[in-house]
Amino acid sequence: MVSQTCAFRPTVFEALETRNLAWRTVFESGNIEATAVTVRTDMAVTAWLAATVPDDLAIITDDRELPPLPAFSINMYGAQESAAPAIRALANHMRNHLFGGDGRRS
């Protein structure tokens, strides 16, 4: 699991509890790379936004035991005309590289 402050965490726990699955947290970290190492070693599965899943990991879509999760969105707001060039560059980078170019990938 990601850190306790993650906004998606309660939804993941609720989905697991709805299915009455036996589960436990084996690792908690706000660092996506540390979590990815745990997943890569087959010690765990995790829930991430699709845009944040590393290329070498697969998204589980056909496991009948795991509960489906709702679609999540991250919204980015800002005053484009008054933003500093560095802020605009960061926003453009996020749109183009993190969210698949159109900002609609969840």
N, C-alpha and C. Protein backbone atom coordinates (compact mmCIF):
# COMPACT_ATOMS: atom_id res chain seq x y z
N MET A 1 0.84 -1.19 0.00
CA MET A 1 0.00 0.00 0.00
C MET A 1 0.88 1.24 0.00
N VAL A 2 0.31 2.27 -0.53
CA VAL A 2 1.01 3.54 -0.48
C VAL A 2 0.82 4.15 0.90
N SER A 3 1.29 5.33 1.09
CA SER A 3 1.25 5.95 2.41
C SER A 3 -0.18 6.13 2.92
N GLN A 4 -0.29 6.28 4.22
CA GLN A 4 -1.60 6.41 4.85
C GLN A 4 -2.35 7.66 4.41
N THR A 5 -1.67 8.61 3.83
CA THR A 5 -2.33 9.83 3.38
C THR A 5 -2.89 9.73 1.97
N CYS A 6 -2.72 8.59 1.32
CA CYS A 6 -3.20 8.42 -0.05
C CYS A 6 -4.72 8.52 -0.10
N ALA A 7 -5.23 9.34 -0.99
CA ALA A 7 -6.67 9.56 -1.12
C ALA A 7 -7.40 8.32 -1.66
N PHE A 8 -6.69 7.44 -2.35
CA PHE A 8 -7.31 6.26 -2.94
C PHE A 8 -7.37 5.07 -1.99
N ARG A 9 -6.59 5.10 -0.94
CA ARG A 9 -6.46 3.99 0.00
C ARG A 9 -7.80 3.50 0.56
N PRO A 10 -8.67 4.39 1.08
CA PRO A 10 -9.95 3.90 1.62
C PRO A 10 -10.80 3.17 0.58
N THR A 11 -10.74 3.59 -0.66
CA THR A 11 -11.51 2.94 -1.71
C THR A 11 -10.99 1.53 -1.98
N VAL A 12 -9.68 1.36 -1.96
CA VAL A 12 -9.08 0.04 -2.16
C VAL A 12 -9.47 -0.88 -1.01
N PHE A 13 -9.36 -0.40 0.22
CA PHE A 13 -9.73 -1.22 1.38
C PHE A 13 -11.21 -1.60 1.33
N GLU A 14 -12.04 -0.66 0.98
CA GLU A 14 -13.48 -0.92 0.89
C GLU A 14 -13.78 -1.99 -0.16
N ALA A 15 -13.11 -1.93 -1.30
CA ALA A 15 -13.33 -2.92 -2.35
C ALA A 15 -12.90 -4.31 -1.89
N LEU A 16 -11.79 -4.40 -1.18
CA LEU A 16 -11.34 -5.70 -0.67
C LEU A 16 -12.31 -6.24 0.38
N GLU A 17 -12.76 -5.38 1.26
CA GLU A 17 -13.69 -5.81 2.31
C GLU A 17 -15.03 -6.23 1.73
N THR A 18 -15.48 -5.59 0.67
CA THR A 18 -16.74 -5.94 0.03
C THR A 18 -16.71 -7.37 -0.49
N ARG A 19 -15.55 -7.82 -0.95
CA ARG A 19 -15.39 -9.18 -1.47
C ARG A 19 -15.09 -10.19 -0.36
N ASN A 20 -14.91 -9.72 0.87
CA ASN A 20 -14.56 -10.60 2.00
C ASN A 20 -13.31 -11.43 1.70
N LEU A 21 -12.34 -10.79 1.07
CA LEU A 21 -11.08 -11.47 0.76
C LEU A 21 -10.14 -11.43 1.96
N ALA A 22 -9.42 -12.52 2.13
CA ALA A 22 -8.36 -12.52 3.14
C ALA A 22 -7.16 -11.79 2.52
N TRP A 23 -6.71 -10.73 3.15
CA TRP A 23 -5.60 -9.96 2.62
C TRP A 23 -4.85 -9.33 3.78
N ARG A 24 -3.65 -8.91 3.50
CA ARG A 24 -2.86 -8.19 4.51
C ARG A 24 -1.90 -7.26 3.81
N THR A 25 -1.54 -6.23 4.50
CA THR A 25 -0.55 -5.29 3.98
C THR A 25 0.83 -5.85 4.30
N VAL A 26 1.65 -6.01 3.28
CA VAL A 26 3.01 -6.51 3.49
C VAL A 26 4.06 -5.41 3.36
N PHE A 27 3.64 -4.26 2.84
CA PHE A 27 4.59 -3.18 2.62
C PHE A 27 3.83 -1.88 2.48
N GLU A 28 4.30 -0.83 3.11
CA GLU A 28 3.72 0.51 2.95
C GLU A 28 4.83 1.51 2.67
N SER A 29 4.62 2.29 1.63
CA SER A 29 5.61 3.31 1.29
C SER A 29 4.97 4.33 0.36
N GLY A 30 5.34 5.56 0.50
CA GLY A 30 4.91 6.60 -0.41
C GLY A 30 5.80 6.66 -1.65
N ASN A 31 6.82 5.82 -1.69
CA ASN A 31 7.77 5.81 -2.79
C ASN A 31 7.35 4.75 -3.80
N ILE A 32 7.00 5.16 -5.01
CA ILE A 32 6.52 4.23 -6.02
C ILE A 32 7.59 3.22 -6.43
N GLU A 33 8.85 3.61 -6.44
CA GLU A 33 9.91 2.67 -6.81
C GLU A 33 10.08 1.58 -5.76
N ALA A 34 10.01 1.94 -4.49
CA ALA A 34 10.11 0.93 -3.43
C ALA A 34 8.94 -0.04 -3.51
N THR A 35 7.75 0.47 -3.78
CA THR A 35 6.58 -0.39 -3.92
C THR A 35 6.74 -1.28 -5.16
N ALA A 36 7.24 -0.74 -6.24
CA ALA A 36 7.43 -1.51 -7.46
C ALA A 36 8.39 -2.68 -7.23
N VAL A 37 9.43 -2.49 -6.45
CA VAL A 37 10.36 -3.58 -6.15
C VAL A 37 9.63 -4.71 -5.44
N THR A 38 8.76 -4.37 -4.51
CA THR A 38 7.99 -5.39 -3.79
C THR A 38 7.09 -6.16 -4.74
N VAL A 39 6.46 -5.47 -5.67
CA VAL A 39 5.59 -6.12 -6.65
C VAL A 39 6.42 -6.97 -7.62
N ARG A 40 7.56 -6.45 -8.06
CA ARG A 40 8.41 -7.19 -9.00
C ARG A 40 8.90 -8.52 -8.42
N THR A 41 9.07 -8.60 -7.12
CA THR A 41 9.55 -9.83 -6.49
C THR A 41 8.40 -10.79 -6.18
N ASP A 42 7.20 -10.47 -6.67
CA ASP A 42 6.01 -11.30 -6.47
C ASP A 42 5.63 -11.46 -5.00
N MET A 43 5.99 -10.48 -4.18
CA MET A 43 5.59 -10.51 -2.78
C MET A 43 4.21 -9.90 -2.58
N ALA A 44 3.75 -9.15 -3.59
CA ALA A 44 2.49 -8.43 -3.40
C ALA A 44 1.94 -7.96 -4.73
N VAL A 45 0.69 -7.53 -4.69
CA VAL A 45 0.09 -6.75 -5.76
C VAL A 45 -0.25 -5.41 -5.14
N THR A 46 -0.46 -4.42 -5.97
CA THR A 46 -0.81 -3.10 -5.45
C THR A 46 -1.79 -2.44 -6.39
N ALA A 47 -2.37 -1.36 -5.96
CA ALA A 47 -3.29 -0.58 -6.78
C ALA A 47 -2.66 0.78 -7.05
N TRP A 48 -2.48 1.09 -8.34
CA TRP A 48 -1.93 2.37 -8.77
C TRP A 48 -2.82 2.94 -9.85
N LEU A 49 -2.70 4.22 -10.08
CA LEU A 49 -3.30 4.79 -11.28
C LEU A 49 -2.61 4.16 -12.48
N ALA A 50 -3.36 3.85 -13.51
CA ALA A 50 -2.78 3.18 -14.68
C ALA A 50 -1.58 3.95 -15.24
N ALA A 51 -1.65 5.26 -15.19
CA ALA A 51 -0.56 6.08 -15.74
C ALA A 51 0.73 5.96 -14.95
N THR A 52 0.67 5.43 -13.74
CA THR A 52 1.87 5.33 -12.91
C THR A 52 2.46 3.93 -12.86
N VAL A 53 1.82 2.96 -13.52
CA VAL A 53 2.33 1.59 -13.51
C VAL A 53 3.59 1.52 -14.37
N PRO A 54 4.71 1.06 -13.79
CA PRO A 54 5.94 0.95 -14.58
C PRO A 54 5.74 0.02 -15.78
N ASP A 55 6.44 0.29 -16.86
CA ASP A 55 6.27 -0.47 -18.11
C ASP A 55 6.53 -1.97 -17.96
N ASP A 56 7.37 -2.35 -17.01
CA ASP A 56 7.71 -3.78 -16.87
C ASP A 56 6.72 -4.54 -15.98
N LEU A 57 5.69 -3.87 -15.48
CA LEU A 57 4.68 -4.54 -14.67
C LEU A 57 3.36 -4.60 -15.44
N ALA A 58 2.60 -5.65 -15.19
CA ALA A 58 1.32 -5.83 -15.88
C ALA A 58 0.17 -5.37 -15.00
N ILE A 59 -0.84 -4.84 -15.64
CA ILE A 59 -2.08 -4.48 -14.94
C ILE A 59 -2.97 -5.71 -14.96
N ILE A 60 -3.40 -6.14 -13.78
CA ILE A 60 -4.26 -7.31 -13.68
C ILE A 60 -5.69 -6.88 -14.02
N THR A 61 -6.22 -7.46 -15.08
CA THR A 61 -7.57 -7.07 -15.51
C THR A 61 -8.55 -8.23 -15.48
N ASP A 62 -8.07 -9.46 -15.37
CA ASP A 62 -8.97 -10.60 -15.52
C ASP A 62 -8.97 -11.54 -14.32
N ASP A 63 -8.62 -11.08 -13.15
CA ASP A 63 -8.64 -11.91 -11.95
C ASP A 63 -10.01 -11.79 -11.31
N ARG A 64 -10.74 -12.87 -11.27
CA ARG A 64 -12.11 -12.83 -10.75
C ARG A 64 -12.18 -12.67 -9.25
N GLU A 65 -11.08 -12.94 -8.55
CA GLU A 65 -11.10 -12.78 -7.10
C GLU A 65 -10.87 -11.33 -6.68
N LEU A 66 -10.06 -10.62 -7.44
CA LEU A 66 -9.80 -9.23 -7.08
C LEU A 66 -10.98 -8.36 -7.45
N PRO A 67 -11.35 -7.46 -6.57
CA PRO A 67 -12.50 -6.60 -6.87
C PRO A 67 -12.14 -5.53 -7.90
N PRO A 68 -13.10 -5.15 -8.71
CA PRO A 68 -12.83 -4.04 -9.62
C PRO A 68 -12.73 -2.75 -8.81
N LEU A 69 -11.93 -1.85 -9.30
CA LEU A 69 -11.79 -0.54 -8.66
C LEU A 69 -12.40 0.51 -9.56
N PRO A 70 -12.94 1.56 -8.97
CA PRO A 70 -13.52 2.61 -9.81
C PRO A 70 -12.44 3.38 -10.55
N ALA A 71 -12.85 4.05 -11.60
CA ALA A 71 -11.92 4.92 -12.32
C ALA A 71 -11.63 6.14 -11.45
N PHE A 72 -10.39 6.52 -11.41
CA PHE A 72 -9.98 7.71 -10.66
C PHE A 72 -9.42 8.73 -11.63
N SER A 73 -9.53 9.95 -11.27
CA SER A 73 -8.96 11.03 -12.08
C SER A 73 -8.16 11.95 -11.18
N ILE A 74 -7.16 12.53 -11.77
CA ILE A 74 -6.40 13.58 -11.10
C ILE A 74 -6.59 14.83 -11.92
N ASN A 75 -7.05 15.86 -11.29
CA ASN A 75 -7.26 17.13 -11.99
C ASN A 75 -6.12 18.08 -11.67
N MET A 76 -5.71 18.81 -12.67
CA MET A 76 -4.66 19.79 -12.51
C MET A 76 -5.25 21.16 -12.85
N TYR A 77 -5.21 22.04 -11.89
CA TYR A 77 -5.76 23.38 -12.07
C TYR A 77 -4.66 24.42 -11.94
N GLY A 78 -4.78 25.46 -12.67
CA GLY A 78 -3.81 26.53 -12.56
C GLY A 78 -4.21 27.70 -13.42
N ALA A 79 -3.67 28.83 -13.08
CA ALA A 79 -3.92 30.04 -13.86
C ALA A 79 -2.85 30.10 -14.94
N GLN A 80 -3.18 29.59 -16.10
CA GLN A 80 -2.21 29.46 -17.19
C GLN A 80 -1.56 30.80 -17.56
N GLU A 81 -2.35 31.85 -17.65
CA GLU A 81 -1.79 33.11 -18.12
C GLU A 81 -0.84 33.78 -17.12
N SER A 82 -0.99 33.46 -15.83
CA SER A 82 -0.11 34.11 -14.85
C SER A 82 0.95 33.16 -14.29
N ALA A 83 0.96 31.91 -14.75
CA ALA A 83 1.92 30.93 -14.23
C ALA A 83 3.32 31.21 -14.75
N ALA A 84 4.29 30.95 -13.89
CA ALA A 84 5.69 31.09 -14.27
C ALA A 84 6.02 30.06 -15.35
N PRO A 85 7.00 30.35 -16.21
CA PRO A 85 7.38 29.41 -17.27
C PRO A 85 7.69 28.00 -16.74
N ALA A 86 8.33 27.90 -15.59
CA ALA A 86 8.66 26.58 -15.04
C ALA A 86 7.40 25.80 -14.68
N ILE A 87 6.39 26.48 -14.17
CA ILE A 87 5.12 25.82 -13.82
C ILE A 87 4.41 25.35 -15.09
N ARG A 88 4.38 26.19 -16.10
CA ARG A 88 3.76 25.78 -17.37
C ARG A 88 4.49 24.58 -17.98
N ALA A 89 5.84 24.59 -17.90
CA ALA A 89 6.62 23.48 -18.43
C ALA A 89 6.33 22.18 -17.66
N LEU A 90 6.22 22.28 -16.36
CA LEU A 90 5.89 21.10 -15.56
C LEU A 90 4.50 20.58 -15.91
N ALA A 91 3.53 21.46 -16.03
CA ALA A 91 2.16 21.05 -16.38
C ALA A 91 2.14 20.38 -17.75
N ASN A 92 2.85 20.94 -18.71
CA ASN A 92 2.91 20.34 -20.05
C ASN A 92 3.58 18.97 -20.01
N HIS A 93 4.64 18.86 -19.24
CA HIS A 93 5.33 17.58 -19.11
C HIS A 93 4.38 16.53 -18.52
N MET A 94 3.65 16.89 -17.49
CA MET A 94 2.72 15.96 -16.86
C MET A 94 1.63 15.53 -17.84
N ARG A 95 1.08 16.49 -18.57
CA ARG A 95 0.04 16.16 -19.55
C ARG A 95 0.56 15.22 -20.62
N ASN A 96 1.74 15.50 -21.13
CA ASN A 96 2.27 14.76 -22.26
C ASN A 96 2.91 13.42 -21.91
N HIS A 97 3.45 13.30 -20.71
CA HIS A 97 4.20 12.09 -20.38
C HIS A 97 3.54 11.24 -19.29
N LEU A 98 2.92 11.86 -18.34
CA LEU A 98 2.31 11.10 -17.26
C LEU A 98 0.90 10.68 -17.62
N PHE A 99 0.17 11.52 -18.32
CA PHE A 99 -1.23 11.25 -18.59
C PHE A 99 -1.50 10.93 -20.05
N GLY A 100 -0.52 10.48 -20.76
CA GLY A 100 -0.74 10.00 -22.12
C GLY A 100 -1.04 11.06 -23.15
N GLY A 101 -0.74 12.31 -22.86
CA GLY A 101 -0.87 13.35 -23.88
C GLY A 101 -2.17 14.13 -23.84
N ASP A 102 -3.26 13.53 -23.38
CA ASP A 102 -4.51 14.28 -23.40
C ASP A 102 -5.06 14.55 -21.99
N GLY A 103 -4.36 14.07 -20.97
CA GLY A 103 -4.80 14.32 -19.62
C GLY A 103 -6.00 13.50 -19.19
N ARG A 104 -6.39 12.52 -20.00
CA ARG A 104 -7.60 11.75 -19.68
C ARG A 104 -7.32 10.33 -19.24
N ARG A 105 -6.10 9.92 -19.18
CA ARG A 105 -5.76 8.58 -18.75
C ARG A 105 -5.93 8.49 -17.25
N SER A 106 -6.55 7.44 -16.75
CA SER A 106 -6.75 7.31 -15.31
C SER A 106 -6.02 6.12 -14.77
